C-alpha atoms as a PDB file:
ATOM      1  CA  MET A   1      93.849  60.477  93.173  1.00  0.00           C
ATOM      2  CA  LEU A   2      97.285  62.806  93.202  1.00  0.00           C
ATOM      3  CA  ARG A   3     100.173  62.137  94.887  1.00  0.00           C
ATOM      4  CA  GLU A   4     100.506  64.618  97.760  1.00  0.00           C
ATOM      5  CA  PRO A   5     103.694  66.637  96.296  1.00  0.00           C
ATOM      6  CA  MET A   6     101.830  67.003  92.885  1.00  0.00           C
ATOM      7  CA  ARG A   7      98.573  68.242  94.482  1.00  0.00           C
ATOM      8  CA  ARG A   8     100.053  70.547  96.507  1.00  0.00           C
ATOM      9  CA  ALA A   9     101.866  71.990  93.061  1.00  0.00           C
ATOM     10  CA  LEU A  10      98.522  71.924  91.525  1.00  0.00           C
ATOM     11  CA  GLU A  11      96.938  73.664  94.069  1.00  0.00           C
ATOM     12  CA  ALA A  12      99.485  76.265  94.231  1.00  0.00           C
ATOM     13  CA  LEU A  13      99.061  76.708  90.329  1.00  0.00           C
ATOM     14  CA  VAL A  14      95.254  77.137  90.645  1.00  0.00           C
ATOM     15  CA  MET A  15      95.549  79.788  93.274  1.00  0.00           C
ATOM     16  CA  GLU A  16      98.279  81.499  91.698  1.00  0.00           C
ATOM     17  CA  ARG A  17      96.258  81.828  88.475  1.00  0.00           C
ATOM     18  CA  GLN A  18      92.966  82.744  90.475  1.00  0.00           C
ATOM     19  CA  THR A  19      94.698  85.531  92.149  1.00  0.00           C
ATOM     20  CA  GLU A  20      96.019  86.722  89.211  1.00  0.00           C
ATOM     21  CA  GLY A  21      92.495  86.991  87.594  1.00  0.00           C
ATOM     22  CA  LYS A  22      93.474  83.978  84.873  1.00  0.00           C
ATOM     23  CA  ALA A  23      90.970  81.633  84.617  1.00  0.00           C
ATOM     24  CA  THR A  24      92.826  79.245  82.092  1.00  0.00           C
ATOM     25  CA  PHE A  25      94.704  76.091  83.128  1.00  0.00           C
ATOM     26  CA  PRO A  26      96.738  73.615  81.344  1.00  0.00           C
ATOM     27  CA  PRO A  27      94.359  70.903  79.998  1.00  0.00           C
ATOM     28  CA  PHE A  28      95.566  68.476  82.533  1.00  0.00           C
ATOM     29  CA  ALA A  29      95.018  70.732  85.483  1.00  0.00           C
ATOM     30  CA  GLN A  30      91.410  71.651  83.893  1.00  0.00           C
ATOM     31  CA  LYS A  31      90.596  67.783  83.945  1.00  0.00           C
ATOM     32  CA  LEU A  32      91.209  67.698  87.249  1.00  0.00           C
ATOM     33  CA  ILE A  33      89.424  70.412  88.401  1.00  0.00           C
ATOM     34  CA  GLU A  34      86.408  69.318  86.131  1.00  0.00           C
ATOM     35  CA  MET A  35      86.533  65.744  87.904  1.00  0.00           C
ATOM     36  CA  GLY A  36      86.367  67.560  91.186  1.00  0.00           C
ATOM     37  CA  GLU A  37      89.931  66.678  92.456  1.00  0.00           C
ATOM     38  CA  LEU A  38      90.546  70.445  93.072  1.00  0.00           C
ATOM     39  CA  LYS A  39      86.925  71.605  92.926  1.00  0.00           C
ATOM     40  CA  GLY A  40      86.253  72.227  96.701  1.00  0.00           C
ATOM     41  CA  PHE A  41      89.687  74.096  96.944  1.00  0.00           C
ATOM     42  CA  ARG A  42      88.929  76.387  93.669  1.00  0.00           C
ATOM     43  CA  ASP A  43      85.549  77.079  95.291  1.00  0.00           C
ATOM     44  CA  GLY A  44      86.961  77.804  98.747  1.00  0.00           C
ATOM     45  CA  GLU A  45      89.609  80.074  97.290  1.00  0.00           C
ATOM     46  CA  LEU A  46      87.113  81.733  94.999  1.00  0.00           C
ATOM     47  CA  LYS A  47      84.684  82.527  97.947  1.00  0.00           C
ATOM     48  CA  GLY A  48      87.694  83.856 100.225  1.00  0.00           C
ATOM     49  CA  LEU A  49      88.753  86.205  97.225  1.00  0.00           C
ATOM     50  CA  ARG A  50      85.363  87.435  96.919  1.00  0.00           C
ATOM     51  CA  ASP A  51      84.559  87.826 100.667  1.00  0.00           C
ATOM     52  CA  GLY A  52      87.901  89.576 101.000  1.00  0.00           C
ATOM     53  CA  LYS A  53      87.066  91.909  98.131  1.00  0.00           C
ATOM     54  CA  LEU A  54      83.703  92.563  99.634  1.00  0.00           C
ATOM     55  CA  GLU A  55      85.259  93.341 102.972  1.00  0.00           C
ATOM     56  CA  GLY A  56      87.628  95.879 101.440  1.00  0.00           C
ATOM     57  CA  LEU A  57      85.144  97.959  99.643  1.00  0.00           C
ATOM     58  CA  ARG A  58      82.983  97.900 102.866  1.00  0.00           C
ATOM     59  CA  GLU A  59      86.137  99.236 104.806  1.00  0.00           C
ATOM     60  CA  ALA A  60      87.179 101.747 102.138  1.00  0.00           C
ATOM     61  CA  LEU A  61      83.637 103.354 101.939  1.00  0.00           C
ATOM     62  CA  LEU A  62      83.363 103.495 105.769  1.00  0.00           C
ATOM     63  CA  ARG A  63      86.857 105.265 105.749  1.00  0.00           C
ATOM     64  CA  LEU A  64      85.973 107.620 103.030  1.00  0.00           C
ATOM     65  CA  VAL A  65      82.604 108.615 104.236  1.00  0.00           C
ATOM     66  CA  ALA A  66      84.396 109.208 107.750  1.00  0.00           C
ATOM     67  CA  ARG A  67      87.138 111.757 105.723  1.00  0.00           C
ATOM     68  CA  ALA A  68      84.432 113.049 103.832  1.00  0.00           C
ATOM     69  CA  GLY A  69      82.798 114.219 107.283  1.00  0.00           C
ATOM     70  CA  ILE A  70      79.632 112.572 106.647  1.00  0.00           C
ATOM     71  CA  PRO A  71      77.857 110.961 109.610  1.00  0.00           C
ATOM     72  CA  LEU A  72      76.268 107.708 109.560  1.00  0.00           C
ATOM     73  CA  THR A  73      73.756 106.544 111.627  1.00  0.00           C
ATOM     74  CA  GLU A  74      74.082 102.602 112.912  1.00  0.00           C
ATOM     75  CA  ASP A  75      71.129 101.634 110.085  1.00  0.00           C
ATOM     76  CA  ASP A  76      73.262 103.169 107.409  1.00  0.00           C
ATOM     77  CA  ARG A  77      76.606 101.485 108.646  1.00  0.00           C
ATOM     78  CA  ALA A  78      74.731  98.153 109.091  1.00  0.00           C
ATOM     79  CA  ARG A  79      73.367  98.717 105.316  1.00  0.00           C
ATOM     80  CA  ILE A  80      76.979  98.831 104.043  1.00  0.00           C
ATOM     81  CA  ARG A  81      78.006  95.984 106.270  1.00  0.00           C
ATOM     82  CA  ALA A  82      75.247  93.735 105.103  1.00  0.00           C
ATOM     83  CA  CYS A  83      75.933  94.892 101.396  1.00  0.00           C
ATOM     84  CA  ASP A  84      77.030  91.933  99.312  1.00  0.00           C
ATOM     85  CA  ASP A  85      77.031  93.059  95.773  1.00  0.00           C
ATOM     86  CA  THR A  86      80.524  94.767  94.499  1.00  0.00           C
ATOM     87  CA  VAL A  87      78.735  96.968  92.144  1.00  0.00           C
ATOM     88  CA  THR A  88      76.463  98.628  94.771  1.00  0.00           C
ATOM     89  CA  LEU A  89      79.527  98.957  96.953  1.00  0.00           C
ATOM     90  CA  GLU A  90      81.894 100.532  93.923  1.00  0.00           C
ATOM     91  CA  ARG A  91      78.569 102.861  93.391  1.00  0.00           C
ATOM     92  CA  TRP A  92      78.704 104.357  96.739  1.00  0.00           C
ATOM     93  CA  ILE A  93      82.527 104.721  96.982  1.00  0.00           C
ATOM     94  CA  ASP A  94      82.098 106.813  93.822  1.00  0.00           C
ATOM     95  CA  ASN A  95      79.194 108.878  95.490  1.00  0.00           C
ATOM     96  CA  VAL A  96      81.176 109.982  98.418  1.00  0.00           C
ATOM     97  CA  LEU A  97      82.707 112.331  96.280  1.00  0.00           C
ATOM     98  CA  GLY A  98      80.583 115.772  96.092  1.00  0.00           C
ATOM     99  CA  ALA A  99      78.087 114.258  98.574  1.00  0.00           C
ATOM    100  CA  LYS A 100      76.903 115.851 101.654  1.00  0.00           C
ATOM    101  CA  THR A 101      74.792 113.404 103.226  1.00  0.00           C
ATOM    102  CA  ALA A 102      74.493 109.829 103.982  1.00  0.00           C
ATOM    103  CA  ALA A 103      71.588 109.663 101.722  1.00  0.00           C
ATOM    104  CA  ASP A 104      73.664 111.367  98.790  1.00  0.00           C
ATOM    105  CA  VAL A 105      76.244 108.251  99.406  1.00  0.00           C
ATOM    106  CA  LEU A 106      73.827 105.458  99.620  1.00  0.00           C
ATOM    107  CA  SER A 107      71.782 106.446  96.610  1.00  0.00           C
END
């Protein structure tokens, strides 16, 4: 529907707003998003941002646990790598402070 230069500019605007956590767009851009013109792009960007955040939280948790000297079993590591809930991962990161065992962390 849009010519290539305009489409690229609009996609850049959508990406910029999403990475800054801003969910509002100019009315013309919102209409194009709702019409599906940029829906795949937006959905892909949101999934990529979510996946990146989850991976960062998992890696931070594993590093904090290692620095705290808390041994993890392969099952513990698999549980952390399989977790796809940011709230749970953030809670586990908070649990590292004062934890003495993996069970303390993953509670």
